[in-house]
Amino acid sequence: MTQNNMDTTVPLNSDALAELVTQMFSQQMPFNQLLGLKIKKLGSDEVEIKLPWDDKLMGNPIHKILHGGVTAAILDTVGGLMAILYAIKDLGEISVDEFQRTLPNVGTIDMRVDYLRPGRGKEFIATAQVIRKGKKVAVCRMELHNETGTHIAFGTGTYMIG
């Protein structure tokens, strides 16, 4: 289902909304494409994004370590996505039009990243969960691991959602 061939006023169930978010994430956000981010799990309680290793994302060429800015970017991306989904979960079924009216109001207010270990790996997995939500602000906890489960970084992000 693409946005072009759907009635944008018809309420979407959770599966259709997840498909819309995935399509927007992968096709309409050039930064996500540039990094190579892929959504692997998308729900109102947890989001998971994967990033395959690419030499272009290297911050330390001697040790082949992921750039710290990439680490922060993937944590911010997964946290923002989680905040959006959590914000609309209380609305029940919503239309594409309602969803798109919500998006301009979403943005990062503040984020902290704690780098625990060097970003080594073949694949990086970022997850997020909401730890507090109000009417206008959500706070998320994000984690980044590599494919072997090594915990590389965690973050806390505050997101405007309304």
C-alpha atoms as a PDB file:
ATOM      1  CA  MET A   1       0.000   0.000   0.000  1.00  0.00           C
ATOM      2  CA  THR A   2       1.454   3.350  -0.946  1.00  0.00           C
ATOM      3  CA  GLN A   3       0.301   6.739   0.134  1.00  0.00           C
ATOM      4  CA  ASN A   4      -0.519   7.634  -3.471  1.00  0.00           C
ATOM      5  CA  ASN A   5      -3.192   4.957  -3.918  1.00  0.00           C
ATOM      6  CA  MET A   6      -4.921   5.118  -0.531  1.00  0.00           C
ATOM      7  CA  ASP A   7      -7.727   7.241   0.801  1.00  0.00           C
ATOM      8  CA  THR A   8      -5.893   9.524   3.240  1.00  0.00           C
ATOM      9  CA  THR A   9      -9.049  10.123   5.312  1.00  0.00           C
ATOM     10  CA  VAL A  10      -9.763   6.456   6.143  1.00  0.00           C
ATOM     11  CA  PRO A  11      -8.572   5.369   9.613  1.00  0.00           C
ATOM     12  CA  LEU A  12      -5.582   3.018   9.578  1.00  0.00           C
ATOM     13  CA  ASN A  13      -5.234  -0.052  11.761  1.00  0.00           C
ATOM     14  CA  SER A  14      -1.907  -0.647  13.502  1.00  0.00           C
ATOM     15  CA  ASP A  15      -0.520  -2.824  10.666  1.00  0.00           C
ATOM     16  CA  ALA A  16      -1.344  -0.225   8.007  1.00  0.00           C
ATOM     17  CA  LEU A  17       0.114   2.539  10.160  1.00  0.00           C
ATOM     18  CA  ALA A  18       3.316   0.532  10.668  1.00  0.00           C
ATOM     19  CA  GLU A  19       3.555   0.069   6.903  1.00  0.00           C
ATOM     20  CA  LEU A  20       3.076   3.811   6.329  1.00  0.00           C
ATOM     21  CA  VAL A  21       5.749   4.700   8.913  1.00  0.00           C
ATOM     22  CA  THR A  22       8.167   2.157   7.427  1.00  0.00           C
ATOM     23  CA  GLN A  23       7.591   3.528   3.920  1.00  0.00           C
ATOM     24  CA  MET A  24       8.109   7.129   5.057  1.00  0.00           C
ATOM     25  CA  PHE A  25      11.194   6.159   7.078  1.00  0.00           C
ATOM     26  CA  SER A  26      12.869   4.315   4.201  1.00  0.00           C
ATOM     27  CA  GLN A  27      11.722   6.329   1.185  1.00  0.00           C
ATOM     28  CA  GLN A  28      11.116   9.906   2.288  1.00  0.00           C
ATOM     29  CA  MET A  29      13.957  10.521   4.745  1.00  0.00           C
ATOM     30  CA  PRO A  30      17.239  10.889   2.820  1.00  0.00           C
ATOM     31  CA  PHE A  31      19.369  10.891   5.975  1.00  0.00           C
ATOM     32  CA  ASN A  32      18.104   7.427   6.917  1.00  0.00           C
ATOM     33  CA  GLN A  33      18.930   6.239   3.397  1.00  0.00           C
ATOM     34  CA  LEU A  34      22.398   7.803   3.586  1.00  0.00           C
ATOM     35  CA  LEU A  35      23.198   5.957   6.810  1.00  0.00           C
ATOM     36  CA  GLY A  36      21.557   2.720   5.641  1.00  0.00           C
ATOM     37  CA  LEU A  37      19.075   2.491   8.537  1.00  0.00           C
ATOM     38  CA  LYS A  38      16.416  -0.241   8.315  1.00  0.00           C
ATOM     39  CA  ILE A  39      13.384  -0.739  10.572  1.00  0.00           C
ATOM     40  CA  LYS A  40      13.294  -4.305  11.911  1.00  0.00           C
ATOM     41  CA  LYS A  41      10.626  -4.013  14.620  1.00  0.00           C
ATOM     42  CA  LEU A  42       7.927  -1.402  14.868  1.00  0.00           C
ATOM     43  CA  GLY A  43       5.378  -1.343  17.648  1.00  0.00           C
ATOM     44  CA  SER A  44       3.815   1.074  20.067  1.00  0.00           C
ATOM     45  CA  ASP A  45       5.958  -0.344  22.892  1.00  0.00           C
ATOM     46  CA  GLU A  46       9.307  -0.991  21.179  1.00  0.00           C
ATOM     47  CA  VAL A  47      11.150  -0.016  18.018  1.00  0.00           C
ATOM     48  CA  GLU A  48      14.249  -1.660  16.576  1.00  0.00           C
ATOM     49  CA  ILE A  49      16.453  -0.244  13.821  1.00  0.00           C
ATOM     50  CA  LYS A  50      19.438  -1.991  12.264  1.00  0.00           C
ATOM     51  CA  LEU A  51      22.484  -0.457  10.653  1.00  0.00           C
ATOM     52  CA  PRO A  52      24.923  -2.619   8.680  1.00  0.00           C
ATOM     53  CA  TRP A  53      28.607  -1.727   8.906  1.00  0.00           C
ATOM     54  CA  ASP A  54      29.816   0.548   6.120  1.00  0.00           C
ATOM     55  CA  ASP A  55      33.366   1.926   5.928  1.00  0.00           C
ATOM     56  CA  LYS A  56      31.875   5.361   5.144  1.00  0.00           C
ATOM     57  CA  LEU A  57      30.534   5.477   8.724  1.00  0.00           C
ATOM     58  CA  MET A  58      33.936   4.906  10.302  1.00  0.00           C
ATOM     59  CA  GLY A  59      35.200   7.393  12.876  1.00  0.00           C
ATOM     60  CA  ASN A  60      38.502   5.637  13.577  1.00  0.00           C
ATOM     61  CA  PRO A  61      40.076   4.039  10.489  1.00  0.00           C
ATOM     62  CA  ILE A  62      42.888   2.373  12.433  1.00  0.00           C
ATOM     63  CA  HIS A  63      40.509   0.384  14.646  1.00  0.00           C
ATOM     64  CA  LYS A  64      37.440   0.368  12.305  1.00  0.00           C
ATOM     65  CA  ILE A  65      35.158   1.948  14.880  1.00  0.00           C
ATOM     66  CA  LEU A  66      31.750   3.484  14.170  1.00  0.00           C
ATOM     67  CA  HIS A  67      31.784   7.290  14.268  1.00  0.00           C
ATOM     68  CA  GLY A  68      30.306   8.723  17.469  1.00  0.00           C
ATOM     69  CA  GLY A  69      28.049  11.011  15.450  1.00  0.00           C
ATOM     70  CA  VAL A  70      26.551   7.987  13.705  1.00  0.00           C
ATOM     71  CA  THR A  71      25.975   6.387  17.099  1.00  0.00           C
ATOM     72  CA  ALA A  72      24.171   9.521  18.291  1.00  0.00           C
ATOM     73  CA  ALA A  73      22.183   9.765  15.040  1.00  0.00           C
ATOM     74  CA  ILE A  74      20.870   6.205  15.199  1.00  0.00           C
ATOM     75  CA  LEU A  75      19.928   6.623  18.864  1.00  0.00           C
ATOM     76  CA  ASP A  76      18.123   9.895  18.116  1.00  0.00           C
ATOM     77  CA  THR A  77      16.356   8.336  15.132  1.00  0.00           C
ATOM     78  CA  VAL A  78      15.107   5.299  17.047  1.00  0.00           C
ATOM     79  CA  GLY A  79      14.066   7.489  19.999  1.00  0.00           C
ATOM     80  CA  GLY A  80      12.164   9.917  17.787  1.00  0.00           C
ATOM     81  CA  LEU A  81      10.415   7.090  15.973  1.00  0.00           C
ATOM     82  CA  MET A  82       9.414   5.517  19.296  1.00  0.00           C
ATOM     83  CA  ALA A  83       8.104   8.862  20.571  1.00  0.00           C
ATOM     84  CA  ILE A  84       5.952   9.295  17.440  1.00  0.00           C
ATOM     85  CA  LEU A  85       4.449   5.816  17.694  1.00  0.00           C
ATOM     86  CA  TYR A  86       3.826   6.119  21.416  1.00  0.00           C
ATOM     87  CA  ALA A  87       2.202   9.524  20.958  1.00  0.00           C
ATOM     88  CA  ILE A  88      -0.328   8.226  18.445  1.00  0.00           C
ATOM     89  CA  LYS A  89      -1.065   4.904  20.179  1.00  0.00           C
ATOM     90  CA  ASP A  90      -3.566   6.599  22.504  1.00  0.00           C
ATOM     91  CA  LEU A  91      -5.456   7.934  19.491  1.00  0.00           C
ATOM     92  CA  GLY A  92      -6.498   4.467  18.280  1.00  0.00           C
ATOM     93  CA  GLU A  93      -7.012   4.228  14.554  1.00  0.00           C
ATOM     94  CA  ILE A  94      -6.019   7.432  12.779  1.00  0.00           C
ATOM     95  CA  SER A  95      -6.011   8.483   9.139  1.00  0.00           C
ATOM     96  CA  VAL A  96      -2.962   9.326   7.046  1.00  0.00           C
ATOM     97  CA  ASP A  97      -4.054  12.967   7.175  1.00  0.00           C
ATOM     98  CA  GLU A  98      -4.176  12.928  11.000  1.00  0.00           C
ATOM     99  CA  PHE A  99      -0.809  11.175  11.162  1.00  0.00           C
ATOM    100  CA  GLN A 100       0.796  13.735   8.843  1.00  0.00           C
ATOM    101  CA  ARG A 101      -0.645  16.614  10.899  1.00  0.00           C
ATOM    102  CA  THR A 102       1.082  15.107  13.966  1.00  0.00           C
ATOM    103  CA  LEU A 103       4.527  14.756  12.354  1.00  0.00           C
ATOM    104  CA  PRO A 104       5.441  18.467  12.056  1.00  0.00           C
ATOM    105  CA  ASN A 105       5.057  18.746  15.835  1.00  0.00           C
ATOM    106  CA  VAL A 106       7.635  16.042  16.576  1.00  0.00           C
ATOM    107  CA  GLY A 107      11.240  16.961  17.286  1.00  0.00           C
ATOM    108  CA  THR A 108      14.162  16.375  19.602  1.00  0.00           C
ATOM    109  CA  ILE A 109      14.283  18.724  22.579  1.00  0.00           C
ATOM    110  CA  ASP A 110      17.295  17.217  24.304  1.00  0.00           C
ATOM    111  CA  MET A 111      19.405  14.083  24.077  1.00  0.00           C
ATOM    112  CA  ARG A 112      22.217  12.587  26.073  1.00  0.00           C
ATOM    113  CA  VAL A 113      24.454   9.794  24.796  1.00  0.00           C
ATOM    114  CA  ASP A 114      26.699   7.629  26.953  1.00  0.00           C
ATOM    115  CA  TYR A 115      29.343   5.844  24.892  1.00  0.00           C
ATOM    116  CA  LEU A 116      30.119   2.599  26.721  1.00  0.00           C
ATOM    117  CA  ARG A 117      32.412   0.781  24.279  1.00  0.00           C
ATOM    118  CA  PRO A 118      33.934   1.377  20.849  1.00  0.00           C
ATOM    119  CA  GLY A 119      31.451   0.812  18.027  1.00  0.00           C
ATOM    120  CA  ARG A 120      32.844  -2.394  16.580  1.00  0.00           C
ATOM    121  CA  GLY A 121      30.722  -4.865  14.662  1.00  0.00           C
ATOM    122  CA  LYS A 122      29.214  -5.987  11.394  1.00  0.00           C
ATOM    123  CA  GLU A 123      25.748  -4.753  12.308  1.00  0.00           C
ATOM    124  CA  PHE A 124      24.358  -2.364  14.898  1.00  0.00           C
ATOM    125  CA  ILE A 125      20.934  -2.680  16.515  1.00  0.00           C
ATOM    126  CA  ALA A 126      19.218   0.301  18.140  1.00  0.00           C
ATOM    127  CA  THR A 127      16.146  -0.068  20.330  1.00  0.00           C
ATOM    128  CA  ALA A 128      13.984   2.422  22.177  1.00  0.00           C
ATOM    129  CA  GLN A 129      11.297   2.466  24.809  1.00  0.00           C
ATOM    130  CA  VAL A 130       9.256   5.339  26.210  1.00  0.00           C
ATOM    131  CA  ILE A 131       9.946   5.874  29.893  1.00  0.00           C
ATOM    132  CA  ARG A 132       7.616   8.852  30.391  1.00  0.00           C
ATOM    133  CA  LYS A 133       4.961  10.509  28.263  1.00  0.00           C
ATOM    134  CA  GLY A 134       2.938  13.631  28.724  1.00  0.00           C
ATOM    135  CA  LYS A 135       0.615  15.512  26.359  1.00  0.00           C
ATOM    136  CA  LYS A 136       3.436  17.439  24.693  1.00  0.00           C
ATOM    137  CA  VAL A 137       6.659  15.643  25.635  1.00  0.00           C
ATOM    138  CA  ALA A 138       7.925  12.053  25.701  1.00  0.00           C
ATOM    139  CA  VAL A 139      11.158  10.770  27.214  1.00  0.00           C
ATOM    140  CA  CYS A 140      12.777   7.703  25.656  1.00  0.00           C
ATOM    141  CA  ARG A 141      15.567   5.365  26.641  1.00  0.00           C
ATOM    142  CA  MET A 142      17.604   4.128  23.667  1.00  0.00           C
ATOM    143  CA  GLU A 143      20.279   1.443  23.435  1.00  0.00           C
ATOM    144  CA  LEU A 144      22.777   0.454  20.755  1.00  0.00           C
ATOM    145  CA  HIS A 145      24.268  -3.059  20.554  1.00  0.00           C
ATOM    146  CA  ASN A 146      26.257  -4.867  17.905  1.00  0.00           C
ATOM    147  CA  GLU A 147      25.265  -8.203  16.361  1.00  0.00           C
ATOM    148  CA  THR A 148      26.912 -10.166  19.196  1.00  0.00           C
ATOM    149  CA  GLY A 149      24.953  -8.263  21.871  1.00  0.00           C
ATOM    150  CA  THR A 150      27.813  -6.023  23.013  1.00  0.00           C
ATOM    151  CA  HIS A 151      26.280  -2.878  24.520  1.00  0.00           C
ATOM    152  CA  ILE A 152      27.942   0.055  22.745  1.00  0.00           C
ATOM    153  CA  ALA A 153      25.945   3.068  23.882  1.00  0.00           C
ATOM    154  CA  PHE A 154      22.742   4.216  25.468  1.00  0.00           C
ATOM    155  CA  GLY A 155      20.905   7.460  25.318  1.00  0.00           C
ATOM    156  CA  THR A 156      18.062   9.364  26.849  1.00  0.00           C
ATOM    157  CA  GLY A 157      16.063  11.617  24.596  1.00  0.00           C
ATOM    158  CA  THR A 158      13.326  14.143  25.246  1.00  0.00           C
ATOM    159  CA  TYR A 159      10.979  14.623  22.282  1.00  0.00           C
ATOM    160  CA  MET A 160       8.267  17.156  21.535  1.00  0.00           C
ATOM    161  CA  ILE A 161       5.194  15.176  20.464  1.00  0.00           C
ATOM    162  CA  GLY A 162       2.360  17.670  20.442  1.00  0.00           C
END
